Amino acid sequence: MNVDRIVHLAAGLMVLVGVALAHYVHAYWLALPAFVGLNLAQSAFTGWCPLATMLKKAGVRE
């Protein structure tokens, strides 16, 4: 898997986990998918994604 696919996978899983935790534990867990969404939006405008940067430094192929 390359960096883009891992970023998409991680974002999707974080949204699903956040929604499930909000449903079963507490509504404050909706802050997690909101944070993921904001990060995806800012990376669309700036071209910089923190997870992609970390993955590249870890040696994952682009």
N, C-alpha and C. Protein backbone atom coordinates (compact mmCIF):
# COMPACT_ATOMS: atom_id res chain seq x y z
N MET A 1 0.85 -1.19 0.00
CA MET A 1 0.00 0.00 0.00
C MET A 1 0.89 1.24 0.00
N ASN A 2 0.40 2.25 -0.68
CA ASN A 2 1.17 3.49 -0.72
C ASN A 2 0.60 4.50 0.29
N VAL A 3 1.23 5.65 0.37
CA VAL A 3 0.87 6.65 1.38
C VAL A 3 -0.58 7.11 1.23
N ASP A 4 -1.00 7.39 0.00
CA ASP A 4 -2.37 7.89 -0.20
C ASP A 4 -3.42 6.90 0.25
N ARG A 5 -3.21 5.64 -0.06
CA ARG A 5 -4.20 4.62 0.33
C ARG A 5 -4.25 4.45 1.85
N ILE A 6 -3.09 4.53 2.49
CA ILE A 6 -3.05 4.40 3.95
C ILE A 6 -3.74 5.59 4.61
N VAL A 7 -3.53 6.79 4.06
CA VAL A 7 -4.19 7.98 4.61
C VAL A 7 -5.70 7.85 4.47
N HIS A 8 -6.17 7.41 3.32
CA HIS A 8 -7.62 7.23 3.13
C HIS A 8 -8.18 6.17 4.07
N LEU A 9 -7.45 5.08 4.22
CA LEU A 9 -7.88 4.01 5.13
C LEU A 9 -7.95 4.51 6.56
N ALA A 10 -6.91 5.20 7.00
CA ALA A 10 -6.88 5.70 8.38
C ALA A 10 -7.99 6.70 8.63
N ALA A 11 -8.22 7.60 7.68
CA ALA A 11 -9.29 8.59 7.85
C ALA A 11 -10.65 7.91 7.93
N GLY A 12 -10.90 6.97 7.04
CA GLY A 12 -12.18 6.27 7.06
C GLY A 12 -12.40 5.50 8.35
N LEU A 13 -11.37 4.81 8.81
CA LEU A 13 -11.49 4.05 10.06
C LEU A 13 -11.71 4.97 11.26
N MET A 14 -11.01 6.12 11.29
CA MET A 14 -11.17 7.04 12.41
C MET A 14 -12.59 7.62 12.44
N VAL A 15 -13.15 7.91 11.28
CA VAL A 15 -14.53 8.41 11.23
C VAL A 15 -15.49 7.34 11.73
N LEU A 16 -15.33 6.11 11.26
CA LEU A 16 -16.22 5.03 11.69
C LEU A 16 -16.10 4.76 13.19
N VAL A 17 -14.88 4.74 13.70
CA VAL A 17 -14.67 4.51 15.13
C VAL A 17 -15.27 5.64 15.95
N GLY A 18 -15.08 6.88 15.50
CA GLY A 18 -15.63 8.03 16.22
C GLY A 18 -17.14 8.00 16.29
N VAL A 19 -17.77 7.66 15.17
CA VAL A 19 -19.24 7.59 15.15
C VAL A 19 -19.74 6.45 16.02
N ALA A 20 -19.07 5.30 15.97
CA ALA A 20 -19.48 4.18 16.81
C ALA A 20 -19.32 4.51 18.29
N LEU A 21 -18.21 5.15 18.66
CA LEU A 21 -18.02 5.53 20.06
C LEU A 21 -19.04 6.58 20.50
N ALA A 22 -19.40 7.48 19.61
CA ALA A 22 -20.42 8.47 19.94
C ALA A 22 -21.76 7.80 20.18
N HIS A 23 -22.04 6.77 19.41
CA HIS A 23 -23.32 6.08 19.56
C HIS A 23 -23.37 5.24 20.84
N TYR A 24 -22.28 4.54 21.13
CA TYR A 24 -22.29 3.60 22.24
C TYR A 24 -21.74 4.15 23.55
N VAL A 25 -20.91 5.20 23.51
CA VAL A 25 -20.27 5.68 24.72
C VAL A 25 -20.77 7.07 25.11
N HIS A 26 -20.40 8.07 24.29
CA HIS A 26 -20.79 9.44 24.62
C HIS A 26 -20.72 10.30 23.36
N ALA A 27 -21.61 11.26 23.26
CA ALA A 27 -21.69 12.10 22.07
C ALA A 27 -20.44 12.95 21.85
N TYR A 28 -19.65 13.16 22.89
CA TYR A 28 -18.42 13.94 22.72
C TYR A 28 -17.43 13.28 21.78
N TRP A 29 -17.58 11.99 21.53
CA TRP A 29 -16.70 11.30 20.60
C TRP A 29 -16.90 11.78 19.17
N LEU A 30 -17.94 12.55 18.90
CA LEU A 30 -18.12 13.11 17.56
C LEU A 30 -17.05 14.14 17.24
N ALA A 31 -16.29 14.56 18.25
CA ALA A 31 -15.17 15.46 17.99
C ALA A 31 -14.10 14.77 17.15
N LEU A 32 -13.96 13.45 17.28
CA LEU A 32 -12.95 12.72 16.51
C LEU A 32 -13.23 12.78 15.00
N PRO A 33 -14.42 12.40 14.52
CA PRO A 33 -14.65 12.52 13.08
C PRO A 33 -14.66 13.98 12.61
N ALA A 34 -15.04 14.91 13.49
CA ALA A 34 -14.97 16.33 13.12
C ALA A 34 -13.52 16.75 12.90
N PHE A 35 -12.63 16.31 13.77
CA PHE A 35 -11.20 16.62 13.63
C PHE A 35 -10.64 16.00 12.34
N VAL A 36 -11.02 14.77 12.06
CA VAL A 36 -10.55 14.11 10.84
C VAL A 36 -11.05 14.87 9.61
N GLY A 37 -12.32 15.28 9.63
CA GLY A 37 -12.87 16.03 8.51
C GLY A 37 -12.18 17.37 8.30
N LEU A 38 -11.91 18.06 9.40
CA LEU A 38 -11.19 19.34 9.29
C LEU A 38 -9.79 19.14 8.75
N ASN A 39 -9.13 18.09 9.19
CA ASN A 39 -7.78 17.81 8.71
C ASN A 39 -7.80 17.47 7.22
N LEU A 40 -8.79 16.71 6.77
CA LEU A 40 -8.90 16.40 5.35
C LEU A 40 -9.17 17.66 4.53
N ALA A 41 -10.00 18.55 5.05
CA ALA A 41 -10.29 19.80 4.34
C ALA A 41 -9.05 20.68 4.25
N GLN A 42 -8.32 20.82 5.36
CA GLN A 42 -7.13 21.67 5.30
C GLN A 42 -6.07 21.07 4.40
N SER A 43 -5.97 19.74 4.34
CA SER A 43 -4.97 19.15 3.46
C SER A 43 -5.35 19.31 2.00
N ALA A 44 -6.64 19.42 1.71
CA ALA A 44 -7.06 19.67 0.34
C ALA A 44 -6.64 21.06 -0.12
N PHE A 45 -6.67 22.03 0.79
CA PHE A 45 -6.29 23.40 0.43
C PHE A 45 -4.80 23.64 0.49
N THR A 46 -4.11 23.03 1.46
CA THR A 46 -2.70 23.32 1.65
C THR A 46 -1.78 22.29 1.02
N GLY A 47 -2.28 21.08 0.78
CA GLY A 47 -1.45 20.02 0.24
C GLY A 47 -0.57 19.36 1.27
N TRP A 48 -0.77 19.65 2.55
CA TRP A 48 0.03 19.08 3.62
C TRP A 48 -0.84 18.24 4.54
N CYS A 49 -0.45 16.99 4.72
CA CYS A 49 -1.17 16.07 5.60
C CYS A 49 -0.17 15.54 6.62
N PRO A 50 -0.45 15.73 7.91
CA PRO A 50 0.49 15.25 8.94
C PRO A 50 0.74 13.74 8.88
N LEU A 51 -0.30 12.95 8.66
CA LEU A 51 -0.11 11.50 8.59
C LEU A 51 0.74 11.12 7.39
N ALA A 52 0.52 11.75 6.26
CA ALA A 52 1.33 11.46 5.08
C ALA A 52 2.79 11.80 5.33
N THR A 53 3.05 12.89 6.02
CA THR A 53 4.43 13.27 6.34
C THR A 53 5.08 12.22 7.22
N MET A 54 4.34 11.75 8.24
CA MET A 54 4.89 10.72 9.13
C MET A 54 5.14 9.41 8.39
N LEU A 55 4.22 9.04 7.51
CA LEU A 55 4.39 7.80 6.77
C LEU A 55 5.59 7.86 5.83
N LYS A 56 5.78 9.01 5.18
CA LYS A 56 6.93 9.16 4.28
C LYS A 56 8.24 9.07 5.05
N LYS A 57 8.28 9.69 6.25
CA LYS A 57 9.49 9.61 7.07
C LYS A 57 9.73 8.18 7.56
N ALA A 58 8.65 7.40 7.71
CA ALA A 58 8.77 6.01 8.14
C ALA A 58 9.20 5.09 7.01
N GLY A 59 9.23 5.62 5.78
CA GLY A 59 9.72 4.83 4.66
C GLY A 59 8.65 4.17 3.82
N VAL A 60 7.40 4.55 3.98
CA VAL A 60 6.34 3.99 3.16
C VAL A 60 6.45 4.60 1.76
N ARG A 61 6.28 3.75 0.73
CA ARG A 61 6.45 4.26 -0.62
C ARG A 61 5.29 5.19 -1.01
N GLU A 62 5.63 6.15 -1.86
CA GLU A 62 4.63 7.10 -2.31
C GLU A 62 3.89 6.54 -3.48
